[in-house]
PDB file of N, CA and C in Angstrom:
ATOM      1  N   LEU A   1       0.829  -1.188   0.000  1.00  0.00           N
ATOM      2  CA  LEU A   1       0.000   0.000   0.000  1.00  0.00           C
ATOM      3  C   LEU A   1       0.873   1.250   0.000  1.00  0.00           C
ATOM      4  N   GLY A   2       1.855   1.271   0.883  1.00  0.00           N
ATOM      5  CA  GLY A   2       2.756   2.418   0.952  1.00  0.00           C
ATOM      6  C   GLY A   2       3.489   2.651  -0.355  1.00  0.00           C
ATOM      7  N   LYS A   3       3.962   1.582  -0.984  1.00  0.00           N
ATOM      8  CA  LYS A   3       4.673   1.707  -2.258  1.00  0.00           C
ATOM      9  C   LYS A   3       3.767   2.311  -3.326  1.00  0.00           C
ATOM     10  N   ILE A   4       2.530   1.854  -3.371  1.00  0.00           N
ATOM     11  CA  ILE A   4       1.604   2.345  -4.387  1.00  0.00           C
ATOM     12  C   ILE A   4       1.288   3.821  -4.141  1.00  0.00           C
ATOM     13  N   LEU A   5       0.987   4.180  -2.898  1.00  0.00           N
ATOM     14  CA  LEU A   5       0.673   5.580  -2.596  1.00  0.00           C
ATOM     15  C   LEU A   5       1.878   6.483  -2.843  1.00  0.00           C
ATOM     16  N   SER A   6       3.064   5.996  -2.499  1.00  0.00           N
ATOM     17  CA  SER A   6       4.282   6.763  -2.745  1.00  0.00           C
ATOM     18  C   SER A   6       4.480   6.977  -4.243  1.00  0.00           C
ATOM     19  N   SER A   7       4.235   5.944  -5.037  1.00  0.00           N
ATOM     20  CA  SER A   7       4.403   6.059  -6.492  1.00  0.00           C
ATOM     21  C   SER A   7       3.386   7.027  -7.107  1.00  0.00           C
ATOM     22  N   GLN A   8       2.298   7.299  -6.385  1.00  0.00           N
ATOM     23  CA  GLN A   8       1.291   8.248  -6.857  1.00  0.00           C
ATOM     24  C   GLN A   8       1.578   9.667  -6.368  1.00  0.00           C
ATOM     25  N   GLY A   9       2.734   9.825  -5.695  1.00  0.00           N
ATOM     26  CA  GLY A   9       3.152  11.156  -5.278  1.00  0.00           C
ATOM     27  C   GLY A   9       2.781  11.552  -3.861  1.00  0.00           C
ATOM     28  N   TYR A  10       2.228  10.633  -3.090  1.00  0.00           N
ATOM     29  CA  TYR A  10       1.871  10.938  -1.710  1.00  0.00           C
ATOM     30  C   TYR A  10       3.056  10.716  -0.783  1.00  0.00           C
ATOM     31  N   GLN A  11       3.162  11.565   0.224  1.00  0.00           N
ATOM     32  CA  GLN A  11       4.174  11.382   1.265  1.00  0.00           C
ATOM     33  C   GLN A  11       3.599  10.387   2.272  1.00  0.00           C
ATOM     34  N   VAL A  12       4.307   9.310   2.515  1.00  0.00           N
ATOM     35  CA  VAL A  12       3.841   8.272   3.418  1.00  0.00           C
ATOM     36  C   VAL A  12       4.546   8.420   4.762  1.00  0.00           C
ATOM     37  N   LEU A  13       3.757   8.549   5.823  1.00  0.00           N
ATOM     38  CA  LEU A  13       4.280   8.587   7.189  1.00  0.00           C
ATOM     39  C   LEU A  13       3.821   7.316   7.891  1.00  0.00           C
ATOM     40  N   ILE A  14       4.721   6.703   8.620  1.00  0.00           N
ATOM     41  CA  ILE A  14       4.386   5.473   9.333  1.00  0.00           C
ATOM     42  C   ILE A  14       4.666   5.699  10.818  1.00  0.00           C
ATOM     43  N   PRO A  15       3.652   6.175  11.554  1.00  0.00           N
ATOM     44  CA  PRO A  15       3.842   6.473  12.976  1.00  0.00           C
ATOM     45  C   PRO A  15       3.897   5.210  13.824  1.00  0.00           C
ATOM     46  N   TRP A  16       4.177   5.398  15.070  1.00  0.00           N
ATOM     47  CA  TRP A  16       4.346   4.278  15.998  1.00  0.00           C
ATOM     48  C   TRP A  16       3.947   4.740  17.393  1.00  0.00           C
ATOM     49  N   GLY A  17       3.722   3.778  18.283  1.00  0.00           N
ATOM     50  CA  GLY A  17       3.326   4.122  19.644  1.00  0.00           C
ATOM     51  C   GLY A  17       4.244   3.577  20.712  1.00  0.00           C
ATOM     52  N   SER A  18       4.963   2.518  20.410  1.00  0.00           N
ATOM     53  CA  SER A  18       5.863   1.896  21.390  1.00  0.00           C
ATOM     54  C   SER A  18       7.214   1.651  20.724  1.00  0.00           C
ATOM     55  N   PRO A  19       8.244   1.402  21.507  1.00  0.00           N
ATOM     56  CA  PRO A  19       9.554   1.105  20.898  1.00  0.00           C
ATOM     57  C   PRO A  19       9.503  -0.079  19.924  1.00  0.00           C
ATOM     58  N   GLU A  20       8.718  -1.095  20.245  1.00  0.00           N
ATOM     59  CA  GLU A  20       8.600  -2.243  19.343  1.00  0.00           C
ATOM     60  C   GLU A  20       7.914  -1.829  18.039  1.00  0.00           C
ATOM     61  N   GLU A  21       6.870  -1.013  18.137  1.00  0.00           N
ATOM     62  CA  GLU A  21       6.195  -0.525  16.938  1.00  0.00           C
ATOM     63  C   GLU A  21       7.112   0.369  16.113  1.00  0.00           C
ATOM     64  N   LYS A  22       7.982   1.114  16.773  1.00  0.00           N
ATOM     65  CA  LYS A  22       8.916   1.969  16.037  1.00  0.00           C
ATOM     66  C   LYS A  22       9.835   1.127  15.160  1.00  0.00           C
ATOM     67  N   LYS A  23      10.279  -0.022  15.668  1.00  0.00           N
ATOM     68  CA  LYS A  23      11.124  -0.920  14.876  1.00  0.00           C
ATOM     69  C   LYS A  23      10.357  -1.436  13.657  1.00  0.00           C
ATOM     70  N   ILE A  24       9.102  -1.795  13.863  1.00  0.00           N
ATOM     71  CA  ILE A  24       8.278  -2.300  12.765  1.00  0.00           C
ATOM     72  C   ILE A  24       8.028  -1.186  11.743  1.00  0.00           C
ATOM     73  N   SER A  25       7.746   0.020  12.235  1.00  0.00           N
ATOM     74  CA  SER A  25       7.536   1.155  11.331  1.00  0.00           C
ATOM     75  C   SER A  25       8.781   1.430  10.498  1.00  0.00           C
ATOM     76  N   ALA A  26       9.947   1.362  11.130  1.00  0.00           N
ATOM     77  CA  ALA A  26      11.199   1.591  10.406  1.00  0.00           C
ATOM     78  C   ALA A  26      11.415   0.524   9.332  1.00  0.00           C
ATOM     79  N   LEU A  27      11.113  -0.725   9.662  1.00  0.00           N
ATOM     80  CA  LEU A  27      11.244  -1.809   8.684  1.00  0.00           C
ATOM     81  C   LEU A  27      10.284  -1.574   7.514  1.00  0.00           C
ATOM     82  N   MET A  28       9.052  -1.206   7.818  1.00  0.00           N
ATOM     83  CA  MET A  28       8.082  -0.923   6.753  1.00  0.00           C
ATOM     84  C   MET A  28       8.544   0.251   5.902  1.00  0.00           C
ATOM     85  N   ALA A  29       9.001   1.304   6.543  1.00  0.00           N
ATOM     86  CA  ALA A  29       9.434   2.502   5.812  1.00  0.00           C
ATOM     87  C   ALA A  29      10.619   2.207   4.897  1.00  0.00           C
ATOM     88  N   SER A  30      11.458   1.263   5.297  1.00  0.00           N
ATOM     89  CA  SER A  30      12.617   0.930   4.458  1.00  0.00           C
ATOM     90  C   SER A  30      12.198   0.309   3.133  1.00  0.00           C
ATOM     91  N   GLN A  31      10.952  -0.130   3.045  1.00  0.00           N
ATOM     92  CA  GLN A  31      10.437  -0.745   1.822  1.00  0.00           C
ATOM     93  C   GLN A  31       9.629   0.230   0.957  1.00  0.00           C
ATOM     94  N   VAL A  32       9.437   1.455   1.462  1.00  0.00           N
ATOM     95  CA  VAL A  32       8.604   2.436   0.760  1.00  0.00           C
ATOM     96  C   VAL A  32       9.456   3.659   0.416  1.00  0.00           C
ATOM     97  N   PRO A  33       9.647   3.938  -0.863  1.00  0.00           N
ATOM     98  CA  PRO A  33      10.472   5.096  -1.233  1.00  0.00           C
ATOM     99  C   PRO A  33       9.971   6.395  -0.604  1.00  0.00           C
ATOM    100  N   GLY A  34      10.871   7.071   0.109  1.00  0.00           N
ATOM    101  CA  GLY A  34      10.554   8.358   0.700  1.00  0.00           C
ATOM    102  C   GLY A  34       9.719   8.333   1.965  1.00  0.00           C
ATOM    103  N   ALA A  35       9.367   7.154   2.458  1.00  0.00           N
ATOM    104  CA  ALA A  35       8.527   7.065   3.662  1.00  0.00           C
ATOM    105  C   ALA A  35       9.272   7.622   4.868  1.00  0.00           C
ATOM    106  N   ILE A  36       8.516   8.195   5.773  1.00  0.00           N
ATOM    107  CA  ILE A  36       9.077   8.809   6.978  1.00  0.00           C
ATOM    108  C   ILE A  36       8.504   8.116   8.216  1.00  0.00           C
ATOM    109  N   VAL A  37       9.371   7.822   9.146  1.00  0.00           N
ATOM    110  CA  VAL A  37       8.964   7.371  10.477  1.00  0.00           C
ATOM    111  C   VAL A  37       9.180   8.574  11.389  1.00  0.00           C
ATOM    112  N   PRO A  38       8.100   9.233  11.792  1.00  0.00           N
ATOM    113  CA  PRO A  38       8.271  10.446  12.591  1.00  0.00           C
ATOM    114  C   PRO A  38       8.768  10.139  13.994  1.00  0.00           C
ATOM    115  N   LYS A  39       9.316  11.168  14.630  1.00  0.00           N
ATOM    116  CA  LYS A  39       9.694  11.033  16.036  1.00  0.00           C
ATOM    117  C   LYS A  39       8.412  10.947  16.850  1.00  0.00           C
ATOM    118  N   ALA A  40       8.540  10.636  18.120  1.00  0.00           N
ATOM    119  CA  ALA A  40       7.371  10.640  19.001  1.00  0.00           C
ATOM    120  C   ALA A  40       6.781  12.049  18.993  1.00  0.00           C
ATOM    121  N   PHE A  41       5.447  12.136  19.044  1.00  0.00           N
ATOM    122  CA  PHE A  41       4.842  13.460  19.003  1.00  0.00           C
ATOM    123  C   PHE A  41       3.694  13.572  19.999  1.00  0.00           C
ATOM    124  N   SER A  42       3.406  14.818  20.350  1.00  0.00           N
ATOM    125  CA  SER A  42       2.347  15.118  21.312  1.00  0.00           C
ATOM    126  C   SER A  42       0.988  15.050  20.619  1.00  0.00           C
ATOM    127  N   ILE A  43      -0.071  15.110  21.400  1.00  0.00           N
ATOM    128  CA  ILE A  43      -1.414  15.127  20.809  1.00  0.00           C
ATOM    129  C   ILE A  43      -1.618  16.384  19.974  1.00  0.00           C
ATOM    130  N   GLU A  44      -1.037  17.491  20.382  1.00  0.00           N
ATOM    131  CA  GLU A  44      -1.134  18.722  19.591  1.00  0.00           C
ATOM    132  C   GLU A  44      -0.441  18.549  18.240  1.00  0.00           C
ATOM    133  N   GLU A  45       0.725  17.919  18.244  1.00  0.00           N
ATOM    134  CA  GLU A  45       1.440  17.670  16.990  1.00  0.00           C
ATOM    135  C   GLU A  45       0.668  16.666  16.127  1.00  0.00           C
ATOM    136  N   ALA A  46       0.037  15.688  16.769  1.00  0.00           N
ATOM    137  CA  ALA A  46      -0.778  14.719  16.030  1.00  0.00           C
ATOM    138  C   ALA A  46      -1.940  15.431  15.355  1.00  0.00           C
ATOM    139  N   TYR A  47      -2.564  16.350  16.064  1.00  0.00           N
ATOM    140  CA  TYR A  47      -3.668  17.131  15.506  1.00  0.00           C
ATOM    141  C   TYR A  47      -3.200  17.881  14.248  1.00  0.00           C
ATOM    142  N   ARG A  48      -2.073  18.569  14.350  1.00  0.00           N
ATOM    143  CA  ARG A  48      -1.573  19.325  13.196  1.00  0.00           C
ATOM    144  C   ARG A  48      -1.238  18.399  12.029  1.00  0.00           C
ATOM    145  N   LEU A  49      -0.621  17.289  12.339  1.00  0.00           N
ATOM    146  CA  LEU A  49      -0.254  16.325  11.302  1.00  0.00           C
ATOM    147  C   LEU A  49      -1.494  15.852  10.550  1.00  0.00           C
ATOM    148  N   VAL A  50      -2.501  15.449  11.285  1.00  0.00           N
ATOM    149  CA  VAL A  50      -3.724  14.938  10.670  1.00  0.00           C
ATOM    150  C   VAL A  50      -4.493  16.055   9.966  1.00  0.00           C
ATOM    151  N   ALA A  51      -4.541  17.229  10.579  1.00  0.00           N
ATOM    152  CA  ALA A  51      -5.303  18.342   9.999  1.00  0.00           C
ATOM    153  C   ALA A  51      -4.781  18.751   8.630  1.00  0.00           C
ATOM    154  N   TYR A  52      -3.485  18.609   8.400  1.00  0.00           N
ATOM    155  CA  TYR A  52      -2.901  19.022   7.122  1.00  0.00           C
ATOM    156  C   TYR A  52      -2.711  17.863   6.142  1.00  0.00           C
ATOM    157  N   ALA A  53      -3.047  16.659   6.561  1.00  0.00           N
ATOM    158  CA  ALA A  53      -2.903  15.503   5.675  1.00  0.00           C
ATOM    159  C   ALA A  53      -3.979  15.528   4.590  1.00  0.00           C
ATOM    160  N   LYS A  54      -3.640  15.068   3.409  1.00  0.00           N
ATOM    161  CA  LYS A  54      -4.615  14.947   2.317  1.00  0.00           C
ATOM    162  C   LYS A  54      -5.672  13.914   2.698  1.00  0.00           C
ATOM    163  N   PHE A  55      -5.230  12.818   3.290  1.00  0.00           N
ATOM    164  CA  PHE A  55      -6.115  11.784   3.808  1.00  0.00           C
ATOM    165  C   PHE A  55      -5.311  10.925   4.783  1.00  0.00           C
ATOM    166  N   THR A  56      -6.028  10.113   5.555  1.00  0.00           N
ATOM    167  CA  THR A  56      -5.388   9.227   6.533  1.00  0.00           C
ATOM    168  C   THR A  56      -5.844   7.802   6.276  1.00  0.00           C
ATOM    169  N   VAL A  57      -4.896   6.878   6.303  1.00  0.00           N
ATOM    170  CA  VAL A  57      -5.182   5.448   6.228  1.00  0.00           C
ATOM    171  C   VAL A  57      -4.510   4.826   7.436  1.00  0.00           C
ATOM    172  N   GLY A  58      -5.259   4.090   8.226  1.00  0.00           N
ATOM    173  CA  GLY A  58      -4.642   3.474   9.390  1.00  0.00           C
ATOM    174  C   GLY A  58      -5.535   2.450  10.051  1.00  0.00           C
ATOM    175  N   VAL A  59      -4.924   1.710  10.945  1.00  0.00           N
ATOM    176  CA  VAL A  59      -5.679   0.728  11.718  1.00  0.00           C
ATOM    177  C   VAL A  59      -6.468   1.453  12.810  1.00  0.00           C
ATOM    178  N   ASP A  60      -7.220   0.703  13.549  1.00  0.00           N
ATOM    179  CA  ASP A  60      -8.108   1.222  14.584  1.00  0.00           C
ATOM    180  C   ASP A  60      -7.294   1.817  15.734  1.00  0.00           C
ATOM    181  N   THR A  61      -6.845   3.079  15.536  1.00  0.00           N
ATOM    182  CA  THR A  61      -6.037   3.767  16.545  1.00  0.00           C
ATOM    183  C   THR A  61      -6.519   5.200  16.707  1.00  0.00           C
ATOM    184  N   GLY A  62      -5.933   5.875  17.663  1.00  0.00           N
ATOM    185  CA  GLY A  62      -6.285   7.261  17.924  1.00  0.00           C
ATOM    186  C   GLY A  62      -6.092   8.170  16.736  1.00  0.00           C
ATOM    187  N   LEU A  63      -5.040   7.957  15.937  1.00  0.00           N
ATOM    188  CA  LEU A  63      -4.795   8.842  14.791  1.00  0.00           C
ATOM    189  C   LEU A  63      -5.896   8.744  13.742  1.00  0.00           C
ATOM    190  N   THR A  64      -6.373   7.536  13.460  1.00  0.00           N
ATOM    191  CA  THR A  64      -7.450   7.429  12.481  1.00  0.00           C
ATOM    192  C   THR A  64      -8.745   7.989  13.043  1.00  0.00           C
ATOM    193  N   HIS A  65      -8.976   7.795  14.330  1.00  0.00           N
ATOM    194  CA  HIS A  65     -10.190   8.353  14.930  1.00  0.00           C
ATOM    195  C   HIS A  65     -10.121   9.878  14.963  1.00  0.00           C
ATOM    196  N   LEU A  66      -8.943  10.422  15.230  1.00  0.00           N
ATOM    197  CA  LEU A  66      -8.764  11.875  15.201  1.00  0.00           C
ATOM    198  C   LEU A  66      -9.051  12.407  13.799  1.00  0.00           C
ATOM    199  N   SER A  67      -8.537  11.738  12.796  1.00  0.00           N
ATOM    200  CA  SER A  67      -8.774  12.138  11.415  1.00  0.00           C
ATOM    201  C   SER A  67     -10.274  12.133  11.108  1.00  0.00           C
ATOM    202  N   ALA A  68     -10.952  11.084  11.527  1.00  0.00           N
ATOM    203  CA  ALA A  68     -12.391  10.983  11.281  1.00  0.00           C
ATOM    204  C   ALA A  68     -13.153  12.104  11.982  1.00  0.00           C
ATOM    205  N   VAL A  69     -12.814  12.364  13.233  1.00  0.00           N
ATOM    206  CA  VAL A  69     -13.491  13.419  13.995  1.00  0.00           C
ATOM    207  C   VAL A  69     -13.279  14.786  13.346  1.00  0.00           C
ATOM    208  N   LEU A  70     -12.106  14.980  12.760  1.00  0.00           N
ATOM    209  CA  LEU A  70     -11.824  16.249  12.084  1.00  0.00           C
ATOM    210  C   LEU A  70     -12.499  16.339  10.711  1.00  0.00           C
ATOM    211  N   GLY A  71     -13.180  15.266  10.306  1.00  0.00           N
ATOM    212  CA  GLY A  71     -13.863  15.268   9.019  1.00  0.00           C
ATOM    213  C   GLY A  71     -12.934  15.115   7.835  1.00  0.00           C
ATOM    214  N   LYS A  72     -11.732  14.613   8.083  1.00  0.00           N
ATOM    215  CA  LYS A  72     -10.764  14.397   7.010  1.00  0.00           C
ATOM    216  C   LYS A  72     -11.068  13.068   6.305  1.00  0.00           C
ATOM    217  N   PRO A  73     -10.777  12.966   5.024  1.00  0.00           N
ATOM    218  CA  PRO A  73     -10.926  11.670   4.360  1.00  0.00           C
ATOM    219  C   PRO A  73     -10.089  10.614   5.096  1.00  0.00           C
ATOM    220  N   THR A  74     -10.748   9.547   5.502  1.00  0.00           N
ATOM    221  CA  THR A  74     -10.113   8.553   6.375  1.00  0.00           C
ATOM    222  C   THR A  74     -10.508   7.148   5.961  1.00  0.00           C
ATOM    223  N   VAL A  75      -9.514   6.273   5.878  1.00  0.00           N
ATOM    224  CA  VAL A  75      -9.774   4.847   5.710  1.00  0.00           C
ATOM    225  C   VAL A  75      -9.366   4.181   7.018  1.00  0.00           C
ATOM    226  N   GLU A  76     -10.345   3.580   7.679  1.00  0.00           N
ATOM    227  CA  GLU A  76     -10.098   2.869   8.926  1.00  0.00           C
ATOM    228  C   GLU A  76      -9.991   1.381   8.606  1.00  0.00           C
ATOM    229  N   ILE A  77      -8.842   0.797   8.952  1.00  0.00           N
ATOM    230  CA  ILE A  77      -8.591  -0.616   8.682  1.00  0.00           C
ATOM    231  C   ILE A  77      -8.810  -1.400   9.973  1.00  0.00           C
ATOM    232  N   TYR A  78      -9.655  -2.406   9.891  1.00  0.00           N
ATOM    233  CA  TYR A  78      -9.917  -3.268  11.040  1.00  0.00           C
ATOM    234  C   TYR A  78      -9.361  -4.657  10.760  1.00  0.00           C
ATOM    235  N   CYS A  79      -8.625  -5.189  11.716  1.00  0.00           N
ATOM    236  CA  CYS A  79      -8.126  -6.559  11.600  1.00  0.00           C
ATOM    237  C   CYS A  79      -7.977  -7.206  12.976  1.00  0.00           C
ATOM    238  N   ASP A  80      -7.728  -6.414  14.013  1.00  0.00           N
ATOM    239  CA  ASP A  80      -7.573  -6.953  15.366  1.00  0.00           C
ATOM    240  C   ASP A  80      -8.651  -6.490  16.329  1.00  0.00           C
ATOM    241  N   SER A  81      -9.586  -5.696  15.835  1.00  0.00           N
ATOM    242  CA  SER A  81     -10.687  -5.229  16.682  1.00  0.00           C
ATOM    243  C   SER A  81     -11.975  -5.306  15.869  1.00  0.00           C
ATOM    244  N   PRO A  82     -13.107  -5.483  16.553  1.00  0.00           N
ATOM    245  CA  PRO A  82     -14.367  -5.580  15.816  1.00  0.00           C
ATOM    246  C   PRO A  82     -14.770  -4.227  15.224  1.00  0.00           C
ATOM    247  N   ARG A  83     -15.048  -4.254  13.960  1.00  0.00           N
ATOM    248  CA  ARG A  83     -15.384  -3.038  13.221  1.00  0.00           C
ATOM    249  C   ARG A  83     -16.622  -2.332  13.789  1.00  0.00           C
ATOM    250  N   TRP A  84     -17.608  -3.100  14.210  1.00  0.00           N
ATOM    251  CA  TRP A  84     -18.873  -2.518  14.657  1.00  0.00           C
ATOM    252  C   TRP A  84     -18.715  -1.617  15.879  1.00  0.00           C
ATOM    253  N   LYS A  85     -17.644  -1.803  16.644  1.00  0.00           N
ATOM    254  CA  LYS A  85     -17.478  -1.008  17.868  1.00  0.00           C
ATOM    255  C   LYS A  85     -17.110   0.444  17.597  1.00  0.00           C
ATOM    256  N   THR A  86     -16.295   0.694  16.582  1.00  0.00           N
ATOM    257  CA  THR A  86     -15.790   2.062  16.400  1.00  0.00           C
ATOM    258  C   THR A  86     -15.827   2.563  14.963  1.00  0.00           C
ATOM    259  N   GLU A  87     -16.425   1.807  14.051  1.00  0.00           N
ATOM    260  CA  GLU A  87     -16.376   2.241  12.655  1.00  0.00           C
ATOM    261  C   GLU A  87     -17.027   3.603  12.458  1.00  0.00           C
ATOM    262  N   GLY A  88     -16.429   4.364  11.561  1.00  0.00           N
ATOM    263  CA  GLY A  88     -16.977   5.681  11.234  1.00  0.00           C
ATOM    264  C   GLY A  88     -17.979   5.561  10.108  1.00  0.00           C
ATOM    265  N   PHE A  89     -19.233   5.516  10.438  1.00  0.00           N
ATOM    266  CA  PHE A  89     -20.292   5.406   9.437  1.00  0.00           C
ATOM    267  C   PHE A  89     -21.069   6.714   9.303  1.00  0.00           C
ATOM    268  N   TRP A  90     -20.723   7.686  10.095  1.00  0.00           N
ATOM    269  CA  TRP A  90     -21.482   8.932  10.217  1.00  0.00           C
ATOM    270  C   TRP A  90     -20.982  10.042   9.307  1.00  0.00           C
ATOM    271  N   ASN A  91     -19.959   9.783   8.522  1.00  0.00           N
ATOM    272  CA  ASN A  91     -19.422  10.807   7.630  1.00  0.00           C
ATOM    273  C   ASN A  91     -19.085  10.142   6.298  1.00  0.00           C
ATOM    274  N   PRO A  92     -19.534  10.713   5.175  1.00  0.00           N
ATOM    275  CA  PRO A  92     -19.283  10.067   3.882  1.00  0.00           C
ATOM    276  C   PRO A  92     -17.818  10.005   3.463  1.00  0.00           C
ATOM    277  N   VAL A  93     -16.930  10.768   4.107  1.00  0.00           N
ATOM    278  CA  VAL A  93     -15.521  10.694   3.728  1.00  0.00           C
ATOM    279  C   VAL A  93     -14.745   9.718   4.611  1.00  0.00           C
ATOM    280  N   ILE A  94     -15.461   8.851   5.295  1.00  0.00           N
ATOM    281  CA  ILE A  94     -14.828   7.788   6.081  1.00  0.00           C
ATOM    282  C   ILE A  94     -15.199   6.459   5.430  1.00  0.00           C
ATOM    283  N   ALA A  95     -14.193   5.624   5.220  1.00  0.00           N
ATOM    284  CA  ALA A  95     -14.428   4.276   4.704  1.00  0.00           C
ATOM    285  C   ALA A  95     -13.866   3.287   5.717  1.00  0.00           C
ATOM    286  N   ASN A  96     -14.578   2.207   5.926  1.00  0.00           N
ATOM    287  CA  ASN A  96     -14.178   1.168   6.867  1.00  0.00           C
ATOM    288  C   ASN A  96     -13.941  -0.114   6.091  1.00  0.00           C
ATOM    289  N   VAL A  97     -12.788  -0.737   6.297  1.00  0.00           N
ATOM    290  CA  VAL A  97     -12.471  -1.981   5.593  1.00  0.00           C
ATOM    291  C   VAL A  97     -11.968  -3.018   6.582  1.00  0.00           C
ATOM    292  N   GLY A  98     -12.258  -4.270   6.283  1.00  0.00           N
ATOM    293  CA  GLY A  98     -11.825  -5.358   7.141  1.00  0.00           C
ATOM    294  C   GLY A  98     -12.708  -5.516   8.365  1.00  0.00           C
ATOM    295  N   ASP A  99     -12.295  -6.424   9.224  1.00  0.00           N
ATOM    296  CA  ASP A  99     -12.987  -6.686  10.478  1.00  0.00           C
ATOM    297  C   ASP A  99     -12.072  -7.559  11.332  1.00  0.00           C
ATOM    298  N   LYS A 100     -12.477  -7.835  12.542  1.00  0.00           N
ATOM    299  CA  LYS A 100     -11.645  -8.641  13.432  1.00  0.00           C
ATOM    300  C   LYS A 100     -11.343  -9.985  12.767  1.00  0.00           C
ATOM    301  N   GLN A 101     -10.067 -10.322  12.715  1.00  0.00           N
ATOM    302  CA  GLN A 101      -9.559 -11.550  12.112  1.00  0.00           C
ATOM    303  C   GLN A 101      -9.914 -11.676  10.629  1.00  0.00           C
ATOM    304  N   ASN A 102     -10.113 -10.527   9.975  1.00  0.00           N
ATOM    305  CA  ASN A 102     -10.432 -10.514   8.555  1.00  0.00           C
ATOM    306  C   ASN A 102      -9.816  -9.267   7.915  1.00  0.00           C
ATOM    307  N   ALA A 103      -8.485  -9.238   7.893  1.00  0.00           N
ATOM    308  CA  ALA A 103      -7.772  -8.075   7.355  1.00  0.00           C
ATOM    309  C   ALA A 103      -8.120  -7.873   5.881  1.00  0.00           C
ATOM    310  N   PRO A 104      -8.288  -6.620   5.458  1.00  0.00           N
ATOM    311  CA  PRO A 104      -8.611  -6.358   4.055  1.00  0.00           C
ATOM    312  C   PRO A 104      -7.382  -6.518   3.163  1.00  0.00           C
ATOM    313  N   SER A 105      -7.625  -6.725   1.886  1.00  0.00           N
ATOM    314  CA  SER A 105      -6.532  -6.788   0.919  1.00  0.00           C
ATOM    315  C   SER A 105      -6.048  -5.376   0.618  1.00  0.00           C
ATOM    316  N   VAL A 106      -4.854  -5.286   0.039  1.00  0.00           N
ATOM    317  CA  VAL A 106      -4.339  -3.986  -0.393  1.00  0.00           C
ATOM    318  C   VAL A 106      -5.305  -3.377  -1.410  1.00  0.00           C
ATOM    319  N   ASP A 107      -5.836  -4.194  -2.309  1.00  0.00           N
ATOM    320  CA  ASP A 107      -6.785  -3.683  -3.306  1.00  0.00           C
ATOM    321  C   ASP A 107      -8.022  -3.087  -2.656  1.00  0.00           C
ATOM    322  N   ALA A 108      -8.522  -3.733  -1.612  1.00  0.00           N
ATOM    323  CA  ALA A 108      -9.706  -3.209  -0.916  1.00  0.00           C
ATOM    324  C   ALA A 108      -9.403  -1.856  -0.270  1.00  0.00           C
ATOM    325  N   VAL A 109      -8.201  -1.718   0.296  1.00  0.00           N
ATOM    326  CA  VAL A 109      -7.823  -0.445   0.915  1.00  0.00           C
ATOM    327  C   VAL A 109      -7.658   0.630  -0.154  1.00  0.00           C
ATOM    328  N   LEU A 110      -7.031   0.293  -1.283  1.00  0.00           N
ATOM    329  CA  LEU A 110      -6.875   1.262  -2.373  1.00  0.00           C
ATOM    330  C   LEU A 110      -8.223   1.713  -2.931  1.00  0.00           C
ATOM    331  N   LYS A 111      -9.164   0.784  -3.071  1.00  0.00           N
ATOM    332  CA  LYS A 111     -10.507   1.154  -3.523  1.00  0.00           C
ATOM    333  C   LYS A 111     -11.148   2.114  -2.531  1.00  0.00           C
ATOM    334  N   ALA A 112     -10.942   1.860  -1.244  1.00  0.00           N
ATOM    335  CA  ALA A 112     -11.502   2.742  -0.217  1.00  0.00           C
ATOM    336  C   ALA A 112     -10.863   4.129  -0.286  1.00  0.00           C
ATOM    337  N   VAL A 113      -9.550   4.185  -0.538  1.00  0.00           N
ATOM    338  CA  VAL A 113      -8.869   5.482  -0.674  1.00  0.00           C
ATOM    339  C   VAL A 113      -9.468   6.260  -1.843  1.00  0.00           C
ATOM    340  N   LYS A 114      -9.645   5.596  -2.977  1.00  0.00           N
ATOM    341  CA  LYS A 114     -10.239   6.271  -4.144  1.00  0.00           C
ATOM    342  C   LYS A 114     -11.648   6.746  -3.834  1.00  0.00           C
ATOM    343  N   ALA A 115     -12.409   5.929  -3.113  1.00  0.00           N
ATOM    344  CA  ALA A 115     -13.788   6.295  -2.781  1.00  0.00           C
ATOM    345  C   ALA A 115     -13.842   7.528  -1.887  1.00  0.00           C
ATOM    346  N   ILE A 116     -12.995   7.581  -0.877  1.00  0.00           N
ATOM    347  CA  ILE A 116     -13.042   8.751   0.025  1.00  0.00           C
ATOM    348  C   ILE A 116     -12.544   9.998  -0.679  1.00  0.00           C
ATOM    349  N   GLN A 117     -11.586   9.843  -1.587  1.00  0.00           N
ATOM    350  CA  GLN A 117     -11.110  11.004  -2.342  1.00  0.00           C
ATOM    351  C   GLN A 117     -12.218  11.534  -3.241  1.00  0.00           C
ATOM    352  N   SER A 118     -12.961  10.645  -3.890  1.00  0.00           N
ATOM    353  CA  SER A 118     -14.075  11.055  -4.754  1.00  0.00           C
ATOM    354  C   SER A 118     -15.163  11.740  -3.945  1.00  0.00           C
ATOM    355  N   ARG A 119     -15.491  11.171  -2.790  1.00  0.00           N
ATOM    356  CA  ARG A 119     -16.531  11.765  -1.938  1.00  0.00           C
ATOM    357  C   ARG A 119     -16.086  13.123  -1.412  1.00  0.00           C
ATOM    358  N   ASP A 120     -14.786  13.252  -1.080  1.00  0.00           N
ATOM    359  CA  ASP A 120     -14.278  14.527  -0.575  1.00  0.00           C
ATOM    360  C   ASP A 120     -14.355  15.588  -1.664  1.00  0.00           C
ATOM    361  N   GLU A 121     -13.959  15.225  -2.880  1.00  0.00           N
ATOM    362  CA  GLU A 121     -14.023  16.177  -3.994  1.00  0.00           C
ATOM    363  C   GLU A 121     -15.466  16.580  -4.267  1.00  0.00           C
ATOM    364  N   ALA A 122     -16.395  15.628  -4.170  1.00  0.00           N
ATOM    365  CA  ALA A 122     -17.810  15.929  -4.405  1.00  0.00           C
ATOM    366  C   ALA A 122     -18.350  16.871  -3.331  1.00  0.00           C
ATOM    367  N   SER A 123     -17.885  16.702  -2.105  1.00  0.00           N
ATOM    368  CA  SER A 123     -18.380  17.560  -1.021  1.00  0.00           C
ATOM    369  C   SER A 123     -17.854  18.988  -1.142  1.00  0.00           C
ATOM    370  N   LEU A 124     -16.747  19.165  -1.857  1.00  0.00           N
ATOM    371  CA  LEU A 124     -16.182  20.498  -2.045  1.00  0.00           C
ATOM    372  C   LEU A 124     -16.811  21.230  -3.229  1.00  0.00           C
ATOM    373  N   ALA A 125     -17.496  20.466  -4.079  1.00  0.00           N
ATOM    374  CA  ALA A 125     -18.087  21.062  -5.292  1.00  0.00           C
ATOM    375  C   ALA A 125     -19.331  21.871  -4.984  1.00  0.00           C
TER     376      ALA A 125
END
């Protein structure tokens, strides 16, 4: 997913929450041209990061929920938590993919990204 988005000209950031996640983020970023693993950041910095992002794609975490609350185009990926508990169904620029123990394919996530971008452009018209 990161490689495809990077090839389309998007800047890919791979955040982390724990030292172990930082190692995984760094490994993932090493496979994506130009990807950035940011330093640890405050909630205020997270707000600014999400507020200026073109869109957000992420698993069921605070950053994706923050993006959704801000009304930003957001793809929420579910694979380790039940989708019905926190899915964003209340805003047309939010797409939910996958479910607990049913991770979505890269193609499904890319389709969701295209869908939220189309809906966002339509809402601006």
